[in-house]
Amino acid sequence: MKARLQNWLCALAVPVRIYLGVVFIAASLYKISEPYQFALSIATYDILPLSLVNIMAILLPWIEILTGITLIAGFWTRASALCILGMMIMFTVAIVIALARELHMSCGCFASAEAEDDISALTVLRDLLWTFGAVYVLLVDDGRFGVDGLVRRLSRGAR
């Protein structure tokens, strides 16, 4: 019975995993194509020292696209979910700080500041939902319905 329940829980995690992966890939595309605009979005939060803004603007989108791809594929499933969870905590904290400072700005998540709505409690709620999705995948999905599971099955067959 326990194995059957685990299969169901893992199966339910697959659409969550795919959804989060697509969200992170979509978010990375704008940032990769417009690093200057993304750096301005990061600087607007006024949290990071200016010396780290450009490094963050260049590295973060590539981490997002890599973790999005690996999460969709079910490759390094839990490590990818942990990475996305860490980013979601970072993003949510940054937005809460910006709201507490009463900054009128977009989150810089998917488009330039001019193209997005200002951050609000709904932005925090959205990020918290994605955070809980990452927690679910991290705790439940062992990758059995992805590349991780395929590798395990092939390695068992090779013995």
N, C-alpha and C. Protein backbone atom coordinates (compact mmCIF):
# COMPACT_ATOMS: atom_id res chain seq x y z
N MET A 1 0.82 -1.20 0.00
CA MET A 1 0.00 0.00 0.00
C MET A 1 0.87 1.27 0.00
N LYS A 2 1.94 1.24 0.80
CA LYS A 2 2.80 2.41 0.88
C LYS A 2 3.46 2.72 -0.46
N ALA A 3 3.90 1.69 -1.18
CA ALA A 3 4.54 1.89 -2.49
C ALA A 3 3.54 2.47 -3.48
N ARG A 4 2.31 2.04 -3.39
CA ARG A 4 1.27 2.55 -4.28
C ARG A 4 0.99 4.02 -4.01
N LEU A 5 0.92 4.39 -2.74
CA LEU A 5 0.71 5.79 -2.35
C LEU A 5 1.88 6.65 -2.82
N GLN A 6 3.09 6.14 -2.65
CA GLN A 6 4.28 6.88 -3.10
C GLN A 6 4.25 7.09 -4.61
N ASN A 7 3.82 6.08 -5.36
CA ASN A 7 3.69 6.22 -6.81
C ASN A 7 2.70 7.33 -7.16
N TRP A 8 1.56 7.36 -6.47
CA TRP A 8 0.55 8.39 -6.73
C TRP A 8 1.08 9.78 -6.38
N LEU A 9 1.74 9.89 -5.24
CA LEU A 9 2.28 11.19 -4.83
C LEU A 9 3.33 11.67 -5.82
N CYS A 10 4.18 10.75 -6.28
CA CYS A 10 5.19 11.11 -7.29
C CYS A 10 4.53 11.50 -8.60
N ALA A 11 3.49 10.77 -8.99
CA ALA A 11 2.78 11.08 -10.23
C ALA A 11 2.13 12.46 -10.15
N LEU A 12 1.59 12.80 -8.98
CA LEU A 12 0.99 14.13 -8.80
C LEU A 12 2.05 15.24 -8.83
N ALA A 13 3.26 14.90 -8.47
CA ALA A 13 4.34 15.89 -8.48
C ALA A 13 4.82 16.21 -9.88
N VAL A 14 4.60 15.32 -10.84
CA VAL A 14 5.10 15.54 -12.21
C VAL A 14 4.53 16.81 -12.83
N PRO A 15 3.20 17.04 -12.81
CA PRO A 15 2.72 18.29 -13.39
C PRO A 15 3.21 19.53 -12.63
N VAL A 16 3.39 19.41 -11.33
CA VAL A 16 3.93 20.53 -10.54
C VAL A 16 5.37 20.79 -10.99
N ARG A 17 6.12 19.72 -11.14
CA ARG A 17 7.51 19.81 -11.58
C ARG A 17 7.60 20.46 -12.97
N ILE A 18 6.74 20.04 -13.88
CA ILE A 18 6.76 20.59 -15.23
C ILE A 18 6.35 22.06 -15.22
N TYR A 19 5.31 22.38 -14.47
CA TYR A 19 4.83 23.76 -14.38
C TYR A 19 5.94 24.68 -13.85
N LEU A 20 6.57 24.28 -12.75
CA LEU A 20 7.65 25.11 -12.18
C LEU A 20 8.81 25.23 -13.15
N GLY A 21 9.14 24.15 -13.84
CA GLY A 21 10.21 24.20 -14.82
C GLY A 21 9.92 25.18 -15.93
N VAL A 22 8.69 25.16 -16.44
CA VAL A 22 8.29 26.08 -17.50
C VAL A 22 8.33 27.52 -17.00
N VAL A 23 7.86 27.75 -15.78
CA VAL A 23 7.89 29.11 -15.20
C VAL A 23 9.32 29.62 -15.15
N PHE A 24 10.24 28.79 -14.68
CA PHE A 24 11.63 29.24 -14.55
C PHE A 24 12.31 29.41 -15.90
N ILE A 25 12.00 28.57 -16.85
CA ILE A 25 12.56 28.76 -18.19
C ILE A 25 12.01 30.05 -18.80
N ALA A 26 10.70 30.26 -18.69
CA ALA A 26 10.09 31.48 -19.23
C ALA A 26 10.69 32.73 -18.58
N ALA A 27 10.88 32.69 -17.27
CA ALA A 27 11.46 33.84 -16.57
C ALA A 27 12.89 34.10 -17.01
N SER A 28 13.62 33.05 -17.31
CA SER A 28 15.03 33.22 -17.66
C SER A 28 15.22 33.83 -19.04
N LEU A 29 14.30 33.60 -19.95
CA LEU A 29 14.49 34.03 -21.34
C LEU A 29 14.61 35.55 -21.47
N TYR A 30 13.73 36.28 -20.82
CA TYR A 30 13.83 37.74 -20.84
C TYR A 30 15.15 38.19 -20.22
N LYS A 31 15.49 37.59 -19.11
CA LYS A 31 16.70 38.01 -18.38
C LYS A 31 17.97 37.73 -19.17
N ILE A 32 17.98 36.61 -19.89
CA ILE A 32 19.14 36.28 -20.72
C ILE A 32 19.24 37.25 -21.90
N SER A 33 18.10 37.58 -22.48
CA SER A 33 18.12 38.45 -23.66
C SER A 33 18.31 39.92 -23.32
N GLU A 34 17.99 40.31 -22.10
CA GLU A 34 18.09 41.72 -21.68
C GLU A 34 18.83 41.84 -20.34
N PRO A 35 20.10 41.46 -20.27
CA PRO A 35 20.80 41.49 -18.98
C PRO A 35 20.89 42.89 -18.37
N TYR A 36 21.01 43.91 -19.21
CA TYR A 36 21.08 45.28 -18.69
C TYR A 36 19.78 45.65 -17.99
N GLN A 37 18.65 45.37 -18.63
CA GLN A 37 17.35 45.67 -18.02
C GLN A 37 17.15 44.86 -16.74
N PHE A 38 17.58 43.60 -16.76
CA PHE A 38 17.44 42.77 -15.57
C PHE A 38 18.33 43.30 -14.44
N ALA A 39 19.52 43.76 -14.78
CA ALA A 39 20.40 44.35 -13.75
C ALA A 39 19.75 45.58 -13.13
N LEU A 40 19.07 46.38 -13.93
CA LEU A 40 18.35 47.54 -13.39
C LEU A 40 17.24 47.10 -12.44
N SER A 41 16.55 46.02 -12.80
CA SER A 41 15.49 45.50 -11.92
C SER A 41 16.08 45.05 -10.58
N ILE A 42 17.20 44.36 -10.63
CA ILE A 42 17.85 43.90 -9.40
C ILE A 42 18.29 45.10 -8.56
N ALA A 43 18.90 46.09 -9.20
CA ALA A 43 19.40 47.27 -8.48
C ALA A 43 18.26 48.04 -7.83
N THR A 44 17.07 48.03 -8.45
CA THR A 44 15.93 48.77 -7.91
C THR A 44 15.52 48.25 -6.54
N TYR A 45 15.72 46.98 -6.28
CA TYR A 45 15.39 46.42 -4.97
C TYR A 45 16.26 47.03 -3.86
N ASP A 46 17.46 47.49 -4.22
CA ASP A 46 18.39 48.11 -3.29
C ASP A 46 18.71 47.18 -2.10
N ILE A 47 18.94 45.92 -2.42
CA ILE A 47 19.29 44.93 -1.40
C ILE A 47 20.75 44.50 -1.57
N LEU A 48 21.13 44.20 -2.81
CA LEU A 48 22.50 43.76 -3.09
C LEU A 48 23.44 44.95 -3.21
N PRO A 49 24.70 44.76 -2.82
CA PRO A 49 25.70 45.80 -3.13
C PRO A 49 25.79 45.94 -4.65
N LEU A 50 25.99 47.14 -5.12
CA LEU A 50 26.05 47.39 -6.56
C LEU A 50 27.11 46.54 -7.25
N SER A 51 28.17 46.20 -6.54
CA SER A 51 29.24 45.38 -7.14
C SER A 51 28.76 43.97 -7.48
N LEU A 52 27.66 43.51 -6.90
CA LEU A 52 27.16 42.16 -7.17
C LEU A 52 25.99 42.13 -8.15
N VAL A 53 25.44 43.29 -8.48
CA VAL A 53 24.25 43.34 -9.32
C VAL A 53 24.51 42.73 -10.69
N ASN A 54 25.59 43.12 -11.36
CA ASN A 54 25.84 42.60 -12.71
C ASN A 54 26.12 41.10 -12.70
N ILE A 55 26.85 40.63 -11.71
CA ILE A 55 27.13 39.19 -11.61
C ILE A 55 25.82 38.42 -11.44
N MET A 56 24.96 38.93 -10.57
CA MET A 56 23.66 38.30 -10.34
C MET A 56 22.81 38.33 -11.62
N ALA A 57 22.83 39.45 -12.33
CA ALA A 57 22.03 39.58 -13.56
C ALA A 57 22.51 38.64 -14.65
N ILE A 58 23.76 38.29 -14.63
CA ILE A 58 24.30 37.38 -15.65
C ILE A 58 24.12 35.92 -15.24
N LEU A 59 24.39 35.58 -13.99
CA LEU A 59 24.36 34.18 -13.55
C LEU A 59 22.96 33.65 -13.27
N LEU A 60 22.12 34.44 -12.62
CA LEU A 60 20.81 33.95 -12.18
C LEU A 60 19.95 33.38 -13.31
N PRO A 61 19.84 34.05 -14.46
CA PRO A 61 18.99 33.48 -15.52
C PRO A 61 19.48 32.12 -16.03
N TRP A 62 20.79 31.93 -16.05
CA TRP A 62 21.33 30.64 -16.50
C TRP A 62 21.06 29.55 -15.47
N ILE A 63 21.09 29.91 -14.20
CA ILE A 63 20.72 28.95 -13.15
C ILE A 63 19.24 28.62 -13.27
N GLU A 64 18.40 29.63 -13.54
CA GLU A 64 16.97 29.40 -13.70
C GLU A 64 16.68 28.47 -14.88
N ILE A 65 17.31 28.71 -16.01
CA ILE A 65 17.03 27.87 -17.19
C ILE A 65 17.54 26.45 -16.98
N LEU A 66 18.70 26.30 -16.37
CA LEU A 66 19.25 24.96 -16.11
C LEU A 66 18.36 24.19 -15.14
N THR A 67 17.97 24.82 -14.05
CA THR A 67 17.12 24.11 -13.08
C THR A 67 15.74 23.85 -13.66
N GLY A 68 15.24 24.76 -14.49
CA GLY A 68 13.95 24.52 -15.13
C GLY A 68 13.99 23.30 -16.04
N ILE A 69 15.04 23.20 -16.83
CA ILE A 69 15.19 22.06 -17.75
C ILE A 69 15.36 20.76 -16.98
N THR A 70 16.22 20.76 -15.97
CA THR A 70 16.45 19.52 -15.21
C THR A 70 15.21 19.12 -14.42
N LEU A 71 14.46 20.10 -13.94
CA LEU A 71 13.23 19.77 -13.20
C LEU A 71 12.20 19.14 -14.13
N ILE A 72 12.01 19.70 -15.31
CA ILE A 72 11.07 19.12 -16.28
C ILE A 72 11.49 17.70 -16.64
N ALA A 73 12.77 17.50 -16.86
CA ALA A 73 13.27 16.18 -17.27
C ALA A 73 13.27 15.17 -16.13
N GLY A 74 13.15 15.64 -14.89
CA GLY A 74 13.25 14.73 -13.76
C GLY A 74 14.68 14.24 -13.59
N PHE A 75 15.62 15.11 -13.90
CA PHE A 75 17.05 14.81 -13.79
C PHE A 75 17.59 15.64 -12.63
N TRP A 76 18.20 14.98 -11.67
CA TRP A 76 18.60 15.64 -10.43
C TRP A 76 17.36 16.32 -9.83
N THR A 77 16.29 15.57 -9.78
CA THR A 77 14.98 16.12 -9.42
C THR A 77 15.00 16.86 -8.10
N ARG A 78 15.48 16.21 -7.06
CA ARG A 78 15.44 16.85 -5.74
C ARG A 78 16.44 18.00 -5.65
N ALA A 79 17.60 17.86 -6.26
CA ALA A 79 18.57 18.96 -6.25
C ALA A 79 18.01 20.16 -7.00
N SER A 80 17.34 19.91 -8.11
CA SER A 80 16.73 21.00 -8.88
C SER A 80 15.62 21.67 -8.09
N ALA A 81 14.79 20.86 -7.44
CA ALA A 81 13.70 21.41 -6.62
C ALA A 81 14.27 22.23 -5.46
N LEU A 82 15.36 21.76 -4.86
CA LEU A 82 16.00 22.50 -3.78
C LEU A 82 16.54 23.84 -4.28
N CYS A 83 17.14 23.83 -5.44
CA CYS A 83 17.65 25.07 -6.04
C CYS A 83 16.51 26.05 -6.32
N ILE A 84 15.42 25.55 -6.88
CA ILE A 84 14.27 26.41 -7.14
C ILE A 84 13.66 26.90 -5.84
N LEU A 85 13.60 26.05 -4.84
CA LEU A 85 13.10 26.48 -3.53
C LEU A 85 13.95 27.62 -2.97
N GLY A 86 15.27 27.47 -3.06
CA GLY A 86 16.15 28.54 -2.58
C GLY A 86 15.92 29.85 -3.32
N MET A 87 15.77 29.75 -4.65
CA MET A 87 15.50 30.97 -5.43
C MET A 87 14.15 31.57 -5.06
N MET A 88 13.15 30.73 -4.87
CA MET A 88 11.82 31.24 -4.53
C MET A 88 11.83 31.94 -3.16
N ILE A 89 12.55 31.39 -2.21
CA ILE A 89 12.66 32.05 -0.90
C ILE A 89 13.34 33.41 -1.07
N MET A 90 14.43 33.43 -1.85
CA MET A 90 15.15 34.68 -2.10
C MET A 90 14.24 35.71 -2.78
N PHE A 91 13.51 35.28 -3.81
CA PHE A 91 12.63 36.20 -4.54
C PHE A 91 11.52 36.73 -3.63
N THR A 92 10.93 35.84 -2.85
CA THR A 92 9.81 36.23 -1.98
C THR A 92 10.28 37.22 -0.92
N VAL A 93 11.42 36.95 -0.31
CA VAL A 93 11.96 37.87 0.70
C VAL A 93 12.26 39.23 0.08
N ALA A 94 12.83 39.24 -1.11
CA ALA A 94 13.14 40.51 -1.79
C ALA A 94 11.86 41.31 -2.05
N ILE A 95 10.81 40.63 -2.49
CA ILE A 95 9.55 41.32 -2.77
C ILE A 95 8.93 41.84 -1.49
N VAL A 96 8.96 41.06 -0.42
CA VAL A 96 8.41 41.51 0.87
C VAL A 96 9.18 42.73 1.37
N ILE A 97 10.49 42.72 1.24
CA ILE A 97 11.30 43.88 1.65
C ILE A 97 10.92 45.10 0.82
N ALA A 98 10.79 44.92 -0.49
CA ALA A 98 10.41 46.04 -1.36
C ALA A 98 9.03 46.58 -1.00
N LEU A 99 8.09 45.70 -0.70
CA LEU A 99 6.76 46.15 -0.29
C LEU A 99 6.81 46.89 1.04
N ALA A 100 7.62 46.38 1.97
CA ALA A 100 7.76 47.04 3.28
C ALA A 100 8.36 48.43 3.13
N ARG A 101 9.21 48.60 2.15
CA ARG A 101 9.82 49.92 1.87
C ARG A 101 8.91 50.80 1.02
N GLU A 102 7.75 50.26 0.66
CA GLU A 102 6.77 50.96 -0.16
C GLU A 102 7.34 51.39 -1.52
N LEU A 103 8.18 50.50 -2.10
CA LEU A 103 8.72 50.75 -3.43
C LEU A 103 7.65 50.45 -4.47
N HIS A 104 7.51 51.31 -5.43
CA HIS A 104 6.57 51.10 -6.53
C HIS A 104 7.40 50.64 -7.73
N MET A 105 7.39 49.32 -7.95
CA MET A 105 8.25 48.72 -8.96
C MET A 105 7.66 47.39 -9.40
N SER A 106 8.11 46.90 -10.55
CA SER A 106 7.73 45.55 -10.96
C SER A 106 8.72 44.58 -10.32
N CYS A 107 8.39 43.31 -10.37
CA CYS A 107 9.31 42.34 -9.77
C CYS A 107 10.51 42.08 -10.67
N GLY A 108 10.40 42.35 -11.96
CA GLY A 108 11.50 42.06 -12.88
C GLY A 108 11.60 40.58 -13.20
N CYS A 109 10.52 39.86 -12.96
CA CYS A 109 10.53 38.41 -13.11
C CYS A 109 10.48 37.94 -14.56
N PHE A 110 9.59 38.53 -15.34
CA PHE A 110 9.34 38.04 -16.69
C PHE A 110 9.53 39.07 -17.78
N ALA A 111 9.63 40.34 -17.42
CA ALA A 111 9.77 41.40 -18.43
C ALA A 111 10.34 42.64 -17.77
N SER A 112 10.60 43.63 -18.57
CA SER A 112 11.16 44.87 -18.06
C SER A 112 10.16 45.57 -17.14
N ALA A 113 10.64 46.53 -16.38
CA ALA A 113 9.79 47.24 -15.42
C ALA A 113 8.59 47.89 -16.10
N GLU A 114 8.78 48.36 -17.32
CA GLU A 114 7.69 49.03 -18.02
C GLU A 114 6.59 48.06 -18.43
N ALA A 115 6.93 46.81 -18.63
CA ALA A 115 5.98 45.84 -19.16
C ALA A 115 5.21 45.08 -18.08
N GLU A 116 5.63 45.17 -16.85
CA GLU A 116 4.99 44.41 -15.78
C GLU A 116 4.24 45.32 -14.83
N ASP A 117 3.26 44.73 -14.14
CA ASP A 117 2.55 45.45 -13.10
C ASP A 117 3.43 45.59 -11.88
N ASP A 118 3.10 46.57 -11.03
CA ASP A 118 3.84 46.74 -9.78
C ASP A 118 3.64 45.53 -8.87
N ILE A 119 4.64 45.28 -8.02
CA ILE A 119 4.55 44.20 -7.05
C ILE A 119 3.44 44.52 -6.06
N SER A 120 2.86 43.47 -5.49
CA SER A 120 1.77 43.63 -4.53
C SER A 120 1.71 42.37 -3.67
N ALA A 121 0.73 42.33 -2.80
CA ALA A 121 0.51 41.13 -1.99
C ALA A 121 0.21 39.93 -2.88
N LEU A 122 -0.39 40.16 -4.05
CA LEU A 122 -0.66 39.07 -4.98
C LEU A 122 0.64 38.48 -5.53
N THR A 123 1.65 39.31 -5.72
CA THR A 123 2.96 38.82 -6.17
C THR A 123 3.55 37.90 -5.11
N VAL A 124 3.43 38.29 -3.85
CA VAL A 124 3.92 37.46 -2.75
C VAL A 124 3.15 36.15 -2.69
N LEU A 125 1.83 36.23 -2.84
CA LEU A 125 1.00 35.02 -2.81
C LEU A 125 1.40 34.07 -3.95
N ARG A 126 1.56 34.62 -5.15
CA ARG A 126 1.99 33.81 -6.29
C ARG A 126 3.32 33.12 -5.99
N ASP A 127 4.28 33.87 -5.46
CA ASP A 127 5.59 33.30 -5.15
C ASP A 127 5.51 32.25 -4.04
N LEU A 128 4.63 32.47 -3.07
CA LEU A 128 4.47 31.47 -2.01
C LEU A 128 3.88 30.18 -2.56
N LEU A 129 2.94 30.30 -3.50
CA LEU A 129 2.38 29.08 -4.11
C LEU A 129 3.46 28.32 -4.87
N TRP A 130 4.30 29.04 -5.59
CA TRP A 130 5.40 28.38 -6.30
C TRP A 130 6.39 27.78 -5.30
N THR A 131 6.60 28.45 -4.18
CA THR A 131 7.48 27.93 -3.13
C THR A 131 6.94 26.62 -2.58
N PHE A 132 5.64 26.57 -2.31
CA PHE A 132 5.04 25.34 -1.81
C PHE A 132 5.11 24.22 -2.85
N GLY A 133 4.99 24.58 -4.12
CA GLY A 133 5.15 23.58 -5.17
C GLY A 133 6.55 23.00 -5.16
N ALA A 134 7.55 23.85 -4.99
CA ALA A 134 8.94 23.38 -4.93
C ALA A 134 9.16 22.49 -3.71
N VAL A 135 8.55 22.84 -2.58
CA VAL A 135 8.66 22.01 -1.38
C VAL A 135 8.04 20.64 -1.63
N TYR A 136 6.87 20.63 -2.26
CA TYR A 136 6.19 19.35 -2.56
C TYR A 136 7.08 18.46 -3.43
N VAL A 137 7.62 19.03 -4.50
CA VAL A 137 8.49 18.25 -5.39
C VAL A 137 9.72 17.76 -4.62
N LEU A 138 10.31 18.64 -3.82
CA LEU A 138 11.50 18.27 -3.05
C LEU A 138 11.22 17.10 -2.11
N LEU A 139 10.10 17.14 -1.42
CA LEU A 139 9.80 16.13 -0.40
C LEU A 139 9.24 14.83 -0.97
N VAL A 140 8.54 14.92 -2.10
CA VAL A 140 7.79 13.76 -2.58
C VAL A 140 8.39 13.11 -3.83
N ASP A 141 8.87 13.92 -4.77
CA ASP A 141 9.26 13.41 -6.08
C ASP A 141 10.70 12.90 -6.06
N ASP A 142 10.85 11.61 -6.21
CA ASP A 142 12.19 11.02 -6.25
C ASP A 142 12.69 10.85 -7.69
N GLY A 143 11.95 11.40 -8.64
CA GLY A 143 12.37 11.33 -10.03
C GLY A 143 12.02 10.04 -10.74
N ARG A 144 11.21 9.23 -10.11
CA ARG A 144 10.90 7.92 -10.73
C ARG A 144 10.22 8.06 -12.08
N PHE A 145 9.52 9.19 -12.31
CA PHE A 145 8.88 9.43 -13.60
C PHE A 145 9.69 10.45 -14.40
N GLY A 146 10.98 10.23 -14.45
CA GLY A 146 11.87 11.13 -15.18
C GLY A 146 13.19 10.43 -15.45
N VAL A 147 14.18 11.23 -15.79
CA VAL A 147 15.50 10.69 -16.11
C VAL A 147 16.11 9.97 -14.90
N ASP A 148 15.90 10.51 -13.69
CA ASP A 148 16.44 9.85 -12.49
C ASP A 148 15.95 8.41 -12.38
N GLY A 149 14.64 8.21 -12.59
CA GLY A 149 14.07 6.88 -12.52
C GLY A 149 14.59 5.97 -13.62
N LEU A 150 14.74 6.53 -14.82
CA LEU A 150 15.28 5.75 -15.95
C LEU A 150 16.71 5.29 -15.65
N VAL A 151 17.51 6.19 -15.12
CA VAL A 151 18.90 5.83 -14.78
C VAL A 151 18.92 4.73 -13.72
N ARG A 152 18.05 4.86 -12.71
CA ARG A 152 17.99 3.81 -11.66
C ARG A 152 17.59 2.47 -12.25
N ARG A 153 16.58 2.48 -13.14
CA ARG A 153 16.13 1.22 -13.74
C ARG A 153 17.21 0.61 -14.62
N LEU A 154 17.90 1.44 -15.38
CA LEU A 154 18.97 0.92 -16.25
C LEU A 154 20.14 0.40 -15.44
N SER A 155 20.47 1.07 -14.35
CA SER A 155 21.59 0.60 -13.53
C SER A 155 21.25 -0.70 -12.81
N ARG A 156 20.01 -0.91 -12.45
CA ARG A 156 19.58 -2.17 -11.84
C ARG A 156 19.64 -3.30 -12.86
N GLY A 157 19.27 -2.99 -14.11
CA GLY A 157 19.29 -4.00 -15.17
C GLY A 157 20.70 -4.38 -15.60
N ALA A 158 21.67 -3.49 -15.38
CA ALA A 158 23.04 -3.74 -15.79
C ALA A 158 23.79 -4.63 -14.81
N ARG A 159 23.24 -4.85 -13.66
CA ARG A 159 23.93 -5.66 -12.64
C ARG A 159 23.82 -7.10 -12.89
